[in-house]
N, C-alpha and C. Protein backbone atom coordinates (compact mmCIF):
# COMPACT_ATOMS: atom_id res chain seq x y z
N MET A 1 155.29 339.71 46.87
CA MET A 1 155.51 338.34 47.35
C MET A 1 154.67 338.13 48.59
N SER A 2 153.83 337.11 48.56
CA SER A 2 152.94 336.85 49.69
C SER A 2 153.50 335.74 50.57
N ALA A 3 153.36 335.94 51.91
CA ALA A 3 153.84 334.93 52.87
C ALA A 3 152.77 333.87 53.06
N ALA A 4 153.22 332.64 53.34
CA ALA A 4 152.28 331.54 53.58
C ALA A 4 151.90 331.54 55.05
N PHE A 5 150.60 331.53 55.34
CA PHE A 5 150.11 331.51 56.71
C PHE A 5 149.53 330.15 57.03
N GLU A 6 149.77 329.71 58.28
CA GLU A 6 149.17 328.45 58.71
C GLU A 6 147.69 328.66 58.95
N LYS A 7 146.89 327.77 58.41
CA LYS A 7 145.45 327.86 58.61
C LYS A 7 145.02 327.09 59.86
N ASN A 8 145.82 326.17 60.30
CA ASN A 8 145.45 325.33 61.43
C ASN A 8 146.73 324.79 62.08
N ASN A 9 146.79 324.83 63.42
CA ASN A 9 147.92 324.19 64.11
C ASN A 9 147.45 323.68 65.47
N PHE A 10 148.32 322.95 66.15
CA PHE A 10 147.96 322.28 67.41
C PHE A 10 147.58 323.28 68.50
N ASP A 11 148.38 324.37 68.64
CA ASP A 11 148.08 325.37 69.67
C ASP A 11 146.71 326.00 69.46
N TRP A 12 146.39 326.27 68.22
CA TRP A 12 145.09 326.88 67.91
C TRP A 12 143.95 325.92 68.26
N GLN A 13 144.14 324.62 68.00
CA GLN A 13 143.11 323.63 68.32
C GLN A 13 142.91 323.55 69.85
N ILE A 14 144.00 323.57 70.60
CA ILE A 14 143.90 323.53 72.07
C ILE A 14 143.15 324.77 72.57
N GLN A 15 143.48 325.91 71.99
CA GLN A 15 142.82 327.15 72.38
C GLN A 15 141.31 327.08 72.10
N GLN A 16 140.94 326.52 70.96
CA GLN A 16 139.52 326.40 70.61
C GLN A 16 138.79 325.45 71.57
N ILE A 17 139.42 324.32 71.88
CA ILE A 17 138.80 323.37 72.81
C ILE A 17 138.64 324.01 74.18
N SER A 18 139.67 324.70 74.64
CA SER A 18 139.61 325.36 75.94
C SER A 18 138.50 326.41 75.97
N ARG A 19 138.36 327.18 74.87
CA ARG A 19 137.30 328.19 74.80
C ARG A 19 135.93 327.54 74.84
N ARG A 20 135.76 326.44 74.13
CA ARG A 20 134.46 325.74 74.09
C ARG A 20 134.11 325.16 75.47
N VAL A 21 135.10 324.58 76.13
CA VAL A 21 134.84 324.04 77.47
C VAL A 21 134.46 325.16 78.41
N GLY A 22 135.16 326.28 78.34
CA GLY A 22 134.83 327.43 79.18
C GLY A 22 133.42 327.93 78.92
N GLU A 23 133.02 328.00 77.65
CA GLU A 23 131.66 328.42 77.31
C GLU A 23 130.63 327.45 77.86
N TRP A 24 130.95 326.16 77.76
CA TRP A 24 130.00 325.15 78.25
C TRP A 24 129.83 325.26 79.77
N VAL A 25 130.97 325.41 80.49
CA VAL A 25 130.91 325.52 81.95
C VAL A 25 130.12 326.76 82.33
N GLU A 26 130.34 327.86 81.61
CA GLU A 26 129.59 329.09 81.89
C GLU A 26 128.10 328.87 81.64
N ARG A 27 127.78 328.19 80.57
CA ARG A 27 126.38 327.94 80.24
C ARG A 27 125.72 327.05 81.29
N VAL A 28 126.44 326.00 81.76
CA VAL A 28 125.87 325.07 82.73
C VAL A 28 125.74 325.71 84.11
N LEU A 29 126.78 326.45 84.53
CA LEU A 29 126.80 326.96 85.90
C LEU A 29 126.16 328.33 86.05
N VAL A 30 126.38 329.22 85.10
CA VAL A 30 125.95 330.60 85.26
C VAL A 30 124.53 330.83 84.77
N ALA A 31 124.21 330.36 83.59
CA ALA A 31 122.90 330.67 83.02
C ALA A 31 122.29 329.46 82.34
N PRO A 32 121.92 328.43 83.10
CA PRO A 32 121.41 327.24 82.44
C PRO A 32 120.01 327.41 81.84
N ASN A 33 119.21 328.36 82.37
CA ASN A 33 117.82 328.46 81.90
C ASN A 33 117.51 329.77 81.19
N LEU A 34 118.53 330.54 80.88
CA LEU A 34 118.25 331.80 80.19
C LEU A 34 117.93 331.55 78.72
N PRO A 35 116.89 332.22 78.20
CA PRO A 35 116.57 332.05 76.78
C PRO A 35 117.54 332.83 75.90
N ASN A 36 117.43 332.59 74.61
CA ASN A 36 118.17 333.32 73.58
C ASN A 36 119.69 333.24 73.73
N LEU A 37 120.15 332.15 74.32
CA LEU A 37 121.61 331.97 74.37
C LEU A 37 122.08 331.42 73.03
N PRO A 38 123.25 331.82 72.61
CA PRO A 38 123.76 331.21 71.37
C PRO A 38 123.94 329.72 71.58
N ASP A 39 123.86 329.00 70.53
CA ASP A 39 123.97 327.54 70.63
C ASP A 39 125.29 327.16 71.27
N ALA A 40 125.20 326.22 72.18
CA ALA A 40 126.41 325.69 72.82
C ALA A 40 127.18 324.87 71.82
N PRO A 41 128.45 324.68 72.07
CA PRO A 41 129.23 323.86 71.13
C PRO A 41 128.62 322.48 70.99
N LYS A 42 128.66 321.95 69.82
CA LYS A 42 128.10 320.62 69.56
C LYS A 42 129.14 319.57 69.96
N TRP A 43 128.76 318.74 70.91
CA TRP A 43 129.66 317.69 71.39
C TRP A 43 129.22 316.37 70.78
N TRP A 44 130.15 315.47 70.67
CA TRP A 44 129.81 314.17 70.09
C TRP A 44 129.26 313.23 71.13
N PHE A 45 129.24 313.64 72.44
CA PHE A 45 128.64 312.82 73.48
C PHE A 45 127.61 313.64 74.23
N PRO A 46 126.70 312.98 74.94
CA PRO A 46 125.60 313.70 75.58
C PRO A 46 126.08 314.74 76.58
N GLU A 47 125.35 315.85 76.67
CA GLU A 47 125.70 316.94 77.57
C GLU A 47 125.63 316.50 79.03
N ASN A 48 124.72 315.61 79.38
CA ASN A 48 124.60 315.12 80.76
C ASN A 48 125.87 314.43 81.22
N LEU A 49 126.53 313.79 80.30
CA LEU A 49 127.77 313.10 80.65
C LEU A 49 128.82 314.11 81.13
N LEU A 50 128.88 315.26 80.49
CA LEU A 50 129.82 316.29 80.92
C LEU A 50 129.45 316.82 82.31
N GLN A 51 128.16 316.99 82.58
CA GLN A 51 127.74 317.45 83.90
C GLN A 51 128.13 316.45 84.97
N VAL A 52 127.88 315.18 84.71
CA VAL A 52 128.23 314.13 85.68
C VAL A 52 129.73 314.11 85.90
N ALA A 53 130.50 314.20 84.83
CA ALA A 53 131.96 314.19 84.97
C ALA A 53 132.44 315.39 85.78
N PHE A 54 131.87 316.56 85.48
CA PHE A 54 132.27 317.78 86.20
C PHE A 54 132.00 317.65 87.69
N TRP A 55 130.78 317.23 88.07
CA TRP A 55 130.43 317.14 89.48
C TRP A 55 131.18 316.00 90.18
N THR A 56 131.49 314.95 89.43
CA THR A 56 132.30 313.86 90.01
C THR A 56 133.68 314.38 90.38
N ILE A 57 134.27 315.16 89.48
CA ILE A 57 135.59 315.73 89.76
C ILE A 57 135.52 316.67 90.97
N VAL A 58 134.46 317.49 91.03
CA VAL A 58 134.30 318.42 92.15
C VAL A 58 134.19 317.65 93.47
N VAL A 59 133.37 316.59 93.49
CA VAL A 59 133.17 315.82 94.72
C VAL A 59 134.47 315.15 95.16
N PHE A 60 135.15 314.48 94.22
CA PHE A 60 136.39 313.78 94.60
C PHE A 60 137.48 314.76 95.01
N THR A 61 137.54 315.92 94.38
CA THR A 61 138.52 316.93 94.78
C THR A 61 138.22 317.41 96.20
N SER A 62 136.94 317.62 96.50
CA SER A 62 136.56 318.06 97.85
C SER A 62 136.92 317.00 98.89
N ILE A 63 136.65 315.73 98.58
CA ILE A 63 137.00 314.65 99.51
C ILE A 63 138.50 314.60 99.73
N TRP A 64 139.27 314.70 98.64
CA TRP A 64 140.73 314.64 98.75
C TRP A 64 141.25 315.80 99.59
N LEU A 65 140.72 317.02 99.34
CA LEU A 65 141.15 318.18 100.12
C LEU A 65 140.80 318.01 101.60
N GLY A 66 139.59 317.50 101.88
CA GLY A 66 139.20 317.24 103.26
C GLY A 66 140.13 316.24 103.94
N TRP A 67 140.50 315.18 103.21
CA TRP A 67 141.42 314.17 103.74
C TRP A 67 142.78 314.78 104.06
N GLN A 68 143.29 315.63 103.15
CA GLN A 68 144.59 316.26 103.37
C GLN A 68 144.56 317.19 104.58
N ILE A 69 143.48 317.96 104.72
CA ILE A 69 143.34 318.85 105.86
C ILE A 69 143.28 318.05 107.16
N TRP A 70 142.52 316.94 107.14
CA TRP A 70 142.41 316.10 108.33
C TRP A 70 143.77 315.53 108.72
N ARG A 71 144.55 315.07 107.72
CA ARG A 71 145.89 314.53 108.01
C ARG A 71 146.80 315.59 108.61
N LEU A 72 146.79 316.79 108.03
CA LEU A 72 147.62 317.86 108.57
C LEU A 72 147.20 318.23 109.99
N LEU A 73 145.89 318.29 110.20
CA LEU A 73 145.38 318.63 111.53
C LEU A 73 145.77 317.55 112.55
N SER A 74 145.65 316.28 112.15
CA SER A 74 146.04 315.17 113.05
C SER A 74 147.52 315.23 113.39
N ALA A 75 148.35 315.48 112.36
CA ALA A 75 149.80 315.57 112.60
C ALA A 75 150.11 316.73 113.53
N TYR A 76 149.41 317.84 113.34
CA TYR A 76 149.64 319.01 114.19
C TYR A 76 149.24 318.71 115.64
N LEU A 77 148.07 318.09 115.83
CA LEU A 77 147.62 317.76 117.19
C LEU A 77 148.54 316.75 117.85
N ASN A 78 149.02 315.77 117.07
CA ASN A 78 149.95 314.78 117.63
C ASN A 78 151.28 315.42 118.00
N SER A 79 151.69 316.44 117.24
CA SER A 79 152.95 317.11 117.59
C SER A 79 152.80 317.91 118.88
N LEU A 80 151.57 318.41 119.15
CA LEU A 80 151.35 319.12 120.40
C LEU A 80 151.34 318.19 121.60
N ASN A 81 150.79 316.96 121.39
CA ASN A 81 150.69 315.98 122.47
C ASN A 81 151.10 314.62 121.93
N PRO A 82 152.40 314.32 121.87
CA PRO A 82 152.89 313.10 121.22
C PRO A 82 152.32 311.82 121.79
N GLY A 83 152.02 311.80 123.08
CA GLY A 83 151.52 310.57 123.68
C GLY A 83 150.07 310.28 123.35
N ASN A 84 149.33 311.28 122.88
CA ASN A 84 147.89 311.11 122.69
C ASN A 84 147.57 310.07 121.63
N GLY A 85 148.30 310.06 120.52
CA GLY A 85 148.00 309.14 119.44
C GLY A 85 148.28 307.69 119.78
N ARG A 86 149.18 307.48 120.73
CA ARG A 86 149.54 306.10 121.08
C ARG A 86 148.82 305.61 122.33
N TRP A 87 147.88 306.41 122.84
CA TRP A 87 147.23 306.06 124.10
C TRP A 87 146.49 304.74 124.01
N LEU A 88 145.74 304.54 122.92
CA LEU A 88 144.95 303.32 122.82
C LEU A 88 145.83 302.08 122.75
N SER A 89 146.93 302.16 121.96
CA SER A 89 147.80 300.98 121.87
C SER A 89 148.47 300.70 123.20
N ARG A 90 148.85 301.77 123.93
CA ARG A 90 149.45 301.55 125.25
C ARG A 90 148.44 300.95 126.20
N GLN A 91 147.18 301.42 126.10
CA GLN A 91 146.14 300.89 126.98
C GLN A 91 145.93 299.40 126.70
N ALA A 92 145.90 299.03 125.40
CA ALA A 92 145.71 297.62 125.05
C ALA A 92 146.87 296.78 125.57
N LYS A 93 148.11 297.29 125.43
CA LYS A 93 149.26 296.55 125.94
C LYS A 93 149.19 296.42 127.45
N GLY A 94 148.73 297.50 128.12
CA GLY A 94 148.59 297.45 129.57
C GLY A 94 147.60 296.40 130.00
N GLU A 95 146.48 296.30 129.26
CA GLU A 95 145.49 295.27 129.59
C GLU A 95 146.07 293.87 129.39
N GLU A 96 146.86 293.71 128.33
CA GLU A 96 147.50 292.40 128.11
C GLU A 96 148.42 292.05 129.27
N ARG A 97 149.18 293.03 129.74
CA ARG A 97 150.16 292.76 130.79
C ARG A 97 149.49 292.52 132.14
N ASP A 98 148.23 292.88 132.27
CA ASP A 98 147.51 292.64 133.53
C ASP A 98 146.94 291.23 133.61
N ARG A 99 147.02 290.48 132.55
CA ARG A 99 146.49 289.12 132.60
C ARG A 99 147.41 288.23 133.43
N THR A 100 146.83 287.18 133.99
CA THR A 100 147.62 286.27 134.81
C THR A 100 148.29 285.21 133.94
N ILE A 101 149.25 284.52 134.55
CA ILE A 101 149.92 283.43 133.84
C ILE A 101 148.90 282.37 133.44
N ALA A 102 147.98 282.06 134.35
CA ALA A 102 146.96 281.03 134.07
C ALA A 102 146.12 281.43 132.86
N THR A 103 145.79 282.71 132.73
CA THR A 103 145.00 283.18 131.59
C THR A 103 145.76 282.97 130.29
N TRP A 104 147.06 283.33 130.31
CA TRP A 104 147.87 283.13 129.11
C TRP A 104 148.00 281.65 128.75
N MET A 105 148.12 280.81 129.77
CA MET A 105 148.26 279.37 129.49
C MET A 105 146.96 278.80 128.91
N ARG A 106 145.82 279.28 129.39
CA ARG A 106 144.54 278.84 128.81
C ARG A 106 144.44 279.28 127.35
N GLN A 107 144.87 280.50 127.09
CA GLN A 107 144.84 280.97 125.70
C GLN A 107 145.78 280.16 124.82
N MET A 108 146.95 279.86 125.36
CA MET A 108 147.92 279.04 124.61
C MET A 108 147.30 277.70 124.23
N GLN A 109 146.63 277.05 125.20
CA GLN A 109 146.02 275.74 124.93
C GLN A 109 144.92 275.85 123.88
N GLU A 110 144.15 276.94 123.96
CA GLU A 110 143.07 277.13 122.98
C GLU A 110 143.64 277.32 121.57
N PHE A 111 144.68 278.15 121.44
CA PHE A 111 145.32 278.35 120.14
C PHE A 111 145.96 277.06 119.63
N GLN A 112 146.53 276.29 120.55
CA GLN A 112 147.13 275.01 120.16
C GLN A 112 146.07 274.07 119.60
N ARG A 113 144.91 274.02 120.26
CA ARG A 113 143.81 273.16 119.76
C ARG A 113 143.36 273.60 118.37
N GLN A 114 143.39 274.92 118.12
CA GLN A 114 142.97 275.45 116.82
C GLN A 114 144.05 275.28 115.75
N GLY A 115 145.25 274.90 116.16
CA GLY A 115 146.35 274.78 115.22
C GLY A 115 146.99 276.12 114.88
N ASN A 116 146.69 277.15 115.67
CA ASN A 116 147.26 278.47 115.46
C ASN A 116 148.53 278.58 116.31
N TYR A 117 149.64 278.02 115.80
CA TYR A 117 150.86 277.92 116.59
C TYR A 117 151.54 279.27 116.79
N SER A 118 151.33 280.21 115.87
CA SER A 118 151.91 281.55 116.05
C SER A 118 151.35 282.21 117.29
N GLU A 119 150.02 282.21 117.42
CA GLU A 119 149.39 282.84 118.58
C GLU A 119 149.66 282.04 119.86
N ALA A 120 149.79 280.72 119.72
CA ALA A 120 150.11 279.90 120.89
C ALA A 120 151.51 280.26 121.42
N CYS A 121 152.47 280.46 120.50
CA CYS A 121 153.82 280.87 120.93
C CYS A 121 153.80 282.26 121.53
N ARG A 122 152.99 283.14 120.96
CA ARG A 122 152.88 284.48 121.51
C ARG A 122 152.32 284.43 122.94
N ALA A 123 151.33 283.56 123.17
CA ALA A 123 150.77 283.43 124.52
C ALA A 123 151.83 282.91 125.50
N LEU A 124 152.68 281.99 125.05
CA LEU A 124 153.77 281.51 125.90
C LEU A 124 154.75 282.64 126.23
N TYR A 125 155.04 283.45 125.22
CA TYR A 125 155.93 284.60 125.42
C TYR A 125 155.35 285.55 126.46
N MET A 126 154.04 285.84 126.35
CA MET A 126 153.40 286.75 127.29
C MET A 126 153.34 286.14 128.69
N ALA A 127 153.15 284.82 128.77
CA ALA A 127 153.17 284.14 130.08
C ALA A 127 154.56 284.24 130.69
N MET A 128 155.60 284.14 129.85
CA MET A 128 156.97 284.29 130.33
C MET A 128 157.20 285.69 130.90
N LEU A 129 156.72 286.73 130.17
CA LEU A 129 156.87 288.10 130.68
C LEU A 129 156.13 288.29 131.99
N GLN A 130 154.94 287.70 132.07
CA GLN A 130 154.15 287.81 133.30
C GLN A 130 154.88 287.12 134.45
N ARG A 131 155.49 285.98 134.16
CA ARG A 131 156.24 285.25 135.19
C ARG A 131 157.44 286.07 135.66
N LEU A 132 158.14 286.72 134.72
CA LEU A 132 159.27 287.58 135.11
C LEU A 132 158.79 288.71 136.01
N ASN A 133 157.62 289.25 135.70
CA ASN A 133 157.07 290.33 136.52
C ASN A 133 156.65 289.82 137.90
N ASP A 134 155.93 288.68 137.92
CA ASP A 134 155.40 288.16 139.18
C ASP A 134 156.51 287.72 140.14
N THR A 135 157.61 287.24 139.58
CA THR A 135 158.72 286.80 140.42
C THR A 135 159.66 287.96 140.77
N LYS A 136 159.31 289.18 140.30
CA LYS A 136 160.11 290.39 140.55
C LYS A 136 161.49 290.33 139.92
N LEU A 137 161.70 289.40 138.99
CA LEU A 137 162.98 289.34 138.30
C LEU A 137 163.10 290.49 137.29
N LEU A 138 161.98 290.83 136.66
CA LEU A 138 161.99 291.87 135.63
C LEU A 138 160.59 292.47 135.53
N PRO A 139 160.31 293.52 136.32
CA PRO A 139 158.97 294.11 136.29
C PRO A 139 158.62 294.68 134.92
N HIS A 140 157.32 294.72 134.62
CA HIS A 140 156.83 295.22 133.34
C HIS A 140 157.25 296.67 133.13
N GLN A 141 157.68 296.95 131.90
CA GLN A 141 157.89 298.32 131.44
C GLN A 141 157.41 298.35 129.99
N PRO A 142 156.38 299.18 129.68
CA PRO A 142 155.81 299.18 128.33
C PRO A 142 156.84 299.49 127.24
N SER A 143 157.88 300.24 127.57
CA SER A 143 158.85 300.64 126.55
C SER A 143 159.93 299.60 126.29
N ARG A 144 159.96 298.53 127.09
CA ARG A 144 161.06 297.56 126.99
C ARG A 144 160.93 296.74 125.70
N THR A 145 162.03 296.56 125.00
CA THR A 145 162.04 295.81 123.74
C THR A 145 162.53 294.39 123.96
N ASP A 146 162.35 293.55 122.93
CA ASP A 146 162.85 292.17 123.01
C ASP A 146 164.37 292.15 123.20
N GLY A 147 165.06 293.10 122.54
CA GLY A 147 166.51 293.17 122.69
C GLY A 147 166.92 293.44 124.13
N GLU A 148 166.17 294.31 124.80
CA GLU A 148 166.47 294.59 126.21
C GLU A 148 166.19 293.37 127.08
N TYR A 149 165.09 292.67 126.78
CA TYR A 149 164.80 291.44 127.52
C TYR A 149 165.93 290.43 127.33
N LEU A 150 166.42 290.30 126.09
CA LEU A 150 167.51 289.34 125.83
C LEU A 150 168.74 289.66 126.66
N GLN A 151 169.08 290.93 126.78
CA GLN A 151 170.26 291.31 127.57
C GLN A 151 170.09 290.93 129.04
N VAL A 152 168.88 291.16 129.58
CA VAL A 152 168.66 290.92 131.00
C VAL A 152 168.63 289.42 131.31
N VAL A 153 167.95 288.63 130.46
CA VAL A 153 167.75 287.21 130.79
C VAL A 153 169.04 286.40 130.65
N GLN A 154 170.07 286.96 130.02
CA GLN A 154 171.33 286.22 129.89
C GLN A 154 171.93 285.92 131.26
N GLN A 155 171.54 286.68 132.28
CA GLN A 155 172.08 286.47 133.62
C GLN A 155 171.25 285.48 134.43
N LEU A 156 170.13 285.01 133.87
CA LEU A 156 169.25 284.10 134.61
C LEU A 156 169.64 282.65 134.36
N PRO A 157 169.27 281.74 135.30
CA PRO A 157 169.68 280.33 135.16
C PRO A 157 169.18 279.67 133.88
N GLN A 158 167.96 279.95 133.46
CA GLN A 158 167.41 279.32 132.25
C GLN A 158 167.53 280.27 131.04
N ALA A 159 168.68 280.90 130.87
CA ALA A 159 168.87 281.92 129.84
C ALA A 159 168.50 281.41 128.45
N GLN A 160 168.91 280.17 128.13
CA GLN A 160 168.65 279.62 126.79
C GLN A 160 167.15 279.49 126.53
N SER A 161 166.40 279.10 127.53
CA SER A 161 164.95 278.95 127.37
C SER A 161 164.29 280.31 127.15
N TYR A 162 164.72 281.30 127.90
CA TYR A 162 164.19 282.66 127.69
C TYR A 162 164.51 283.14 126.28
N GLN A 163 165.76 282.90 125.86
CA GLN A 163 166.18 283.35 124.53
C GLN A 163 165.36 282.69 123.43
N THR A 164 165.00 281.42 123.62
CA THR A 164 164.18 280.72 122.62
C THR A 164 162.83 281.42 122.45
N LEU A 165 162.17 281.73 123.55
CA LEU A 165 160.85 282.38 123.48
C LEU A 165 160.95 283.80 122.92
N ILE A 166 161.97 284.54 123.34
CA ILE A 166 162.11 285.92 122.86
C ILE A 166 162.44 285.94 121.38
N SER A 167 163.34 285.07 120.94
CA SER A 167 163.72 285.02 119.52
C SER A 167 162.53 284.63 118.65
N THR A 168 161.73 283.69 119.13
CA THR A 168 160.53 283.29 118.37
C THR A 168 159.57 284.46 118.27
N HIS A 169 159.42 285.20 119.36
CA HIS A 169 158.53 286.37 119.34
C HIS A 169 159.04 287.42 118.35
N GLU A 170 160.34 287.63 118.30
CA GLU A 170 160.92 288.57 117.34
C GLU A 170 160.63 288.14 115.90
N GLN A 171 160.75 286.83 115.64
CA GLN A 171 160.45 286.32 114.30
C GLN A 171 158.98 286.55 113.94
N LEU A 172 158.10 286.37 114.92
CA LEU A 172 156.67 286.59 114.68
C LEU A 172 156.38 288.05 114.36
N CYS A 173 157.02 288.96 115.11
CA CYS A 173 156.71 290.38 114.96
C CYS A 173 157.41 291.02 113.76
N PHE A 174 158.65 290.64 113.51
CA PHE A 174 159.44 291.36 112.52
C PHE A 174 159.81 290.53 111.29
N GLY A 175 159.70 289.22 111.39
CA GLY A 175 160.09 288.40 110.26
C GLY A 175 158.93 287.75 109.55
N ASN A 176 157.71 287.93 110.06
CA ASN A 176 156.52 287.28 109.49
C ASN A 176 156.75 285.78 109.31
N ALA A 177 157.43 285.19 110.29
CA ALA A 177 157.76 283.76 110.19
C ALA A 177 156.51 282.90 110.41
N ALA A 178 156.44 281.81 109.68
CA ALA A 178 155.37 280.82 109.90
C ALA A 178 155.86 279.87 110.98
N ILE A 179 155.05 279.68 112.01
CA ILE A 179 155.44 278.84 113.14
C ILE A 179 154.82 277.46 112.94
N SER A 180 155.67 276.44 112.94
CA SER A 180 155.19 275.07 112.77
C SER A 180 154.90 274.45 114.13
N SER A 181 154.32 273.26 114.12
CA SER A 181 154.04 272.57 115.38
C SER A 181 155.34 272.21 116.09
N GLU A 182 156.42 271.95 115.32
CA GLU A 182 157.72 271.65 115.93
C GLU A 182 158.28 272.89 116.64
N ASP A 183 158.12 274.07 115.99
CA ASP A 183 158.57 275.31 116.63
C ASP A 183 157.80 275.55 117.92
N PHE A 184 156.49 275.28 117.86
CA PHE A 184 155.67 275.47 119.05
C PHE A 184 156.13 274.52 120.16
N SER A 185 156.41 273.28 119.82
CA SER A 185 156.87 272.31 120.82
C SER A 185 158.16 272.78 121.48
N THR A 186 159.07 273.35 120.68
CA THR A 186 160.32 273.89 121.21
C THR A 186 160.04 275.01 122.21
N CYS A 187 159.11 275.91 121.85
CA CYS A 187 158.75 277.02 122.74
C CYS A 187 158.07 276.52 124.01
N GLN A 188 157.21 275.51 123.85
CA GLN A 188 156.51 274.96 125.00
C GLN A 188 157.50 274.32 125.98
N GLN A 189 158.46 273.59 125.42
CA GLN A 189 159.48 272.97 126.27
C GLN A 189 160.32 274.04 126.98
N ALA A 190 160.65 275.11 126.25
CA ALA A 190 161.43 276.20 126.86
C ALA A 190 160.65 276.83 128.01
N TYR A 191 159.34 277.03 127.81
CA TYR A 191 158.54 277.62 128.88
C TYR A 191 158.48 276.70 130.10
N GLN A 192 158.35 275.39 129.85
CA GLN A 192 158.28 274.44 130.97
C GLN A 192 159.58 274.46 131.78
N GLU A 193 160.72 274.62 131.09
CA GLU A 193 162.00 274.71 131.80
C GLU A 193 162.06 275.97 132.66
N ILE A 194 161.54 277.08 132.11
CA ILE A 194 161.48 278.32 132.89
C ILE A 194 160.58 278.14 134.11
N GLU A 195 159.44 277.49 133.89
CA GLU A 195 158.46 277.29 134.94
C GLU A 195 159.05 276.43 136.07
N GLN A 196 159.74 275.36 135.68
CA GLN A 196 160.34 274.48 136.70
C GLN A 196 161.44 275.21 137.46
N GLY A 197 162.21 276.06 136.76
CA GLY A 197 163.32 276.77 137.41
C GLY A 197 162.83 277.85 138.37
N SER A 198 161.63 278.37 138.12
CA SER A 198 161.15 279.45 138.98
C SER A 198 160.04 279.01 139.91
N GLU A 199 159.86 277.68 140.08
CA GLU A 199 158.83 277.18 140.99
C GLU A 199 159.10 277.69 142.40
N GLY A 200 158.02 278.10 143.04
CA GLY A 200 158.13 278.58 144.41
C GLY A 200 158.49 280.03 144.55
N GLN A 201 158.80 280.69 143.39
CA GLN A 201 159.15 282.11 143.48
C GLN A 201 157.92 282.99 143.45
N ILE A 202 156.82 282.49 142.86
CA ILE A 202 155.57 283.27 142.81
C ILE A 202 154.79 282.97 144.08
N ARG A 203 154.50 283.97 144.83
CA ARG A 203 153.72 283.79 146.08
C ARG A 203 152.27 284.12 145.81
């Protein structure tokens, strides 16, 4: 009694394809110009296409590995010196806080003329912070958040006006809110009330 043997199956086909690819890679990389090599496997597409695909994979893999190494190295360096990565953003914020109230008001007017009410409200907010600093009511601290400003300004005479500007700034930063001309007018009026209340405090 004879047993039936499979003449062809999926595993065998995968093994054959893998062997042929290995032979081709060996032929291309190890001995491309040696004579008397047995014929390479016959492919249904041009051999150059396989070379291009192979080198494309090599290049992209190298780029990806380089990117991963750079990310790990950056994370490691930042863990050694946590403040280093944020230095530029702190420097930019410091430069913003060094501007005068008049500079912020000029920027506000320019943004208003352009119809960019979001940036105009932001300029009013920054002018308000500068005014708090100049009047010594609340000196600048880079780490201070809008929530902390809200707590402090509740004790000031124009608390509602401060809250309007701070809340609008929070919406701009965290809510991606679109600021209309009416919203800007509300912020402008709030700033004017703050300005009138603190007249004579800036020397």
